[in-house]
Protein backbone atom coordinates (compact mmCIF):
# COMPACT_ATOMS: atom_id res chain seq x y z
CA MET A 1 137.09 104.07 116.56
CA THR A 2 133.52 104.49 117.73
CA ARG A 3 132.59 103.59 121.30
CA PHE A 4 129.11 102.24 121.93
CA VAL A 5 127.47 101.57 125.28
CA ILE A 6 125.29 98.47 125.21
CA ASP A 7 122.80 97.33 127.82
CA VAL A 8 121.97 93.78 128.93
CA PRO A 9 119.18 93.09 126.41
CA THR A 10 121.46 94.26 123.62
CA LEU A 11 124.37 92.15 124.86
CA LEU A 12 122.13 89.08 124.98
CA HIS A 13 120.76 89.89 121.52
CA ILE A 14 124.29 90.10 120.13
CA VAL A 15 125.29 86.70 121.51
CA ALA A 16 121.97 84.99 120.72
CA THR A 17 121.99 86.12 117.09
CA GLY A 18 125.74 85.85 116.51
CA LEU A 19 125.92 89.49 115.44
CA ARG A 20 129.51 90.43 114.68
CA VAL A 21 130.58 93.85 115.92
CA ASP A 22 132.97 95.51 113.48
CA ALA A 23 136.55 95.57 114.77
CA SER A 24 136.68 99.36 114.41
CA HIS A 25 134.09 99.72 117.19
CA HIS A 26 134.54 99.35 120.93
CA LEU A 27 131.77 98.21 123.26
CA VAL A 28 131.59 99.67 126.76
CA ALA A 29 129.23 98.97 129.64
CA PRO A 30 129.01 99.20 133.41
CA SER A 31 130.75 96.29 135.13
CA VAL A 32 127.39 95.16 136.53
CA ILE A 33 126.39 93.96 133.05
CA ARG A 34 128.03 90.57 133.65
CA ALA A 35 125.90 89.71 136.67
CA GLN A 36 122.76 91.14 135.07
CA ALA A 37 123.29 89.09 131.91
CA LEU A 38 123.82 85.89 133.87
CA ALA A 39 120.69 86.59 135.93
CA LEU A 40 118.60 87.08 132.77
CA LEU A 41 119.96 83.88 131.24
CA PHE A 42 119.12 81.99 134.43
CA ALA A 43 115.61 83.49 134.43
CA ALA A 44 115.15 82.41 130.80
CA VAL A 45 116.04 78.83 131.77
CA ARG A 46 113.65 78.92 134.73
CA ALA A 47 110.88 80.24 132.47
CA GLY A 48 111.53 77.51 129.90
CA ASP A 49 112.62 79.96 127.20
CA LEU A 50 116.13 78.47 126.98
CA THR A 51 117.62 75.15 127.92
CA GLU A 52 120.44 75.22 130.43
CA GLU A 53 122.83 74.20 127.65
CA GLN A 54 121.67 77.10 125.45
CA ALA A 55 121.99 79.59 128.29
CA LEU A 56 125.48 78.42 129.22
CA GLU A 57 126.54 78.57 125.55
CA GLN A 58 125.28 82.15 125.33
CA HIS A 59 127.08 82.95 128.58
CA LEU A 60 130.30 81.57 127.12
CA ARG A 61 129.86 83.71 124.00
CA LEU A 62 129.21 86.85 126.03
CA THR A 63 132.35 86.28 128.09
CA GLU A 64 134.30 86.06 124.81
CA LEU A 65 132.83 89.30 123.45
CA LYS A 66 135.38 92.06 123.73
CA ARG A 67 134.09 95.01 125.76
CA ARG A 68 135.37 97.48 128.31
CA LEU A 69 133.63 97.38 131.66
CA LEU A 70 133.50 100.50 133.79
CA GLY A 71 132.49 101.28 137.33
CA ASP A 72 134.75 103.98 138.71
CA ARG A 73 133.89 106.75 141.16
CA VAL A 74 133.25 109.30 138.45
CA SER A 75 130.66 107.15 136.66
CA ARG A 76 129.01 106.15 139.95
CA ARG A 77 128.70 109.82 140.91
CA ALA A 78 127.24 110.63 137.49
CA GLU A 79 124.66 107.84 137.74
CA TRP A 80 123.67 109.13 141.20
CA ARG A 81 123.08 112.62 139.79
CA ILE A 82 121.16 111.32 136.77
CA SER A 83 118.84 109.25 138.97
CA ARG A 84 118.34 112.09 141.44
CA ASP A 85 117.75 114.74 138.78
CA HIS A 86 115.15 112.64 136.97
CA GLY A 87 113.39 111.35 140.08
CA TRP A 88 114.13 107.71 139.28
CA GLU A 89 113.63 105.15 142.03
CA ASN A 90 116.91 103.33 141.38
CA MET A 91 120.16 103.78 139.51
CA HIS A 92 119.98 100.71 137.23
CA ASP A 93 119.31 102.58 133.97
CA ALA A 94 121.38 105.57 135.06
CA GLU A 95 124.49 103.35 135.15
CA TYR A 96 124.29 102.84 131.39
CA ILE A 97 123.44 106.47 130.70
CA ALA A 98 126.36 107.68 132.84
CA VAL A 99 128.82 105.43 131.03
CA ALA A 100 127.40 106.61 127.69
CA ARG A 101 127.87 110.25 128.71
CA LEU A 102 131.38 109.77 130.04
CA GLN A 103 132.94 107.10 127.85
CA ALA A 104 131.01 106.54 124.63
CA ASP A 105 129.85 108.13 121.42
CA ALA A 106 126.36 106.61 121.53
CA LEU A 107 124.05 104.19 123.31
CA VAL A 108 122.75 101.13 121.48
CA THR A 109 119.74 99.33 122.93
CA VAL A 110 117.14 96.88 121.67
CA ASP A 111 114.91 97.77 124.64
CA PRO A 112 112.28 100.33 123.59
CA ALA A 113 111.38 101.21 127.20
CA PHE A 114 115.01 101.99 128.05
CA ALA A 115 115.42 103.94 124.81
CA ALA A 116 112.40 106.07 125.72
CA LYS A 117 113.78 106.67 129.22
CA ALA A 118 117.20 107.70 127.89
CA GLU A 119 115.88 109.84 125.04
CA GLY A 120 117.38 113.30 125.15
CA LEU A 121 120.02 112.28 127.71
CA VAL A 122 122.55 110.61 125.39
CA PRO A 123 123.05 110.12 121.65
CA PHE A 124 121.64 106.90 120.19
CA ALA A 125 122.74 104.59 117.41
CA GLY A 126 120.86 101.72 115.86
CA LEU A 127 121.93 98.12 116.19
CA ASP A 128 123.18 98.21 112.61
CA ALA A 129 125.81 100.79 113.65
CA LEU A 130 127.68 97.99 115.43
CA THR A 131 128.32 96.17 112.16
CA ALA A 132 129.02 99.24 110.01
CA VAL A 133 132.58 99.97 108.96
């Protein structure tokens, strides 16, 4: 069993493309991922990138995707330290990095800016690792 942390862009990529995560892998993320994903879907509708029907279908698929959501005191404390130690203005990205450090084997992201920010802080895996046996 390999545990992968995924961020919001990766979650939305998985549901939009129908990517099937191998059953031997477990996805983990901060509990805030649900609200962030819904907000991005709503923004995509407002921008005209998705129809409301498409966005709600993707939302349904993401709620069906099996993943463990975390947000305990230990991970919140870790994200605080990560943000403080790196001089970041907020803890948004640190949430995912903290969960990756504490609960996962690697971080998977389709967001190059986030990957650059997290480089050297946690191990990475490519998107294809999610489908590998």
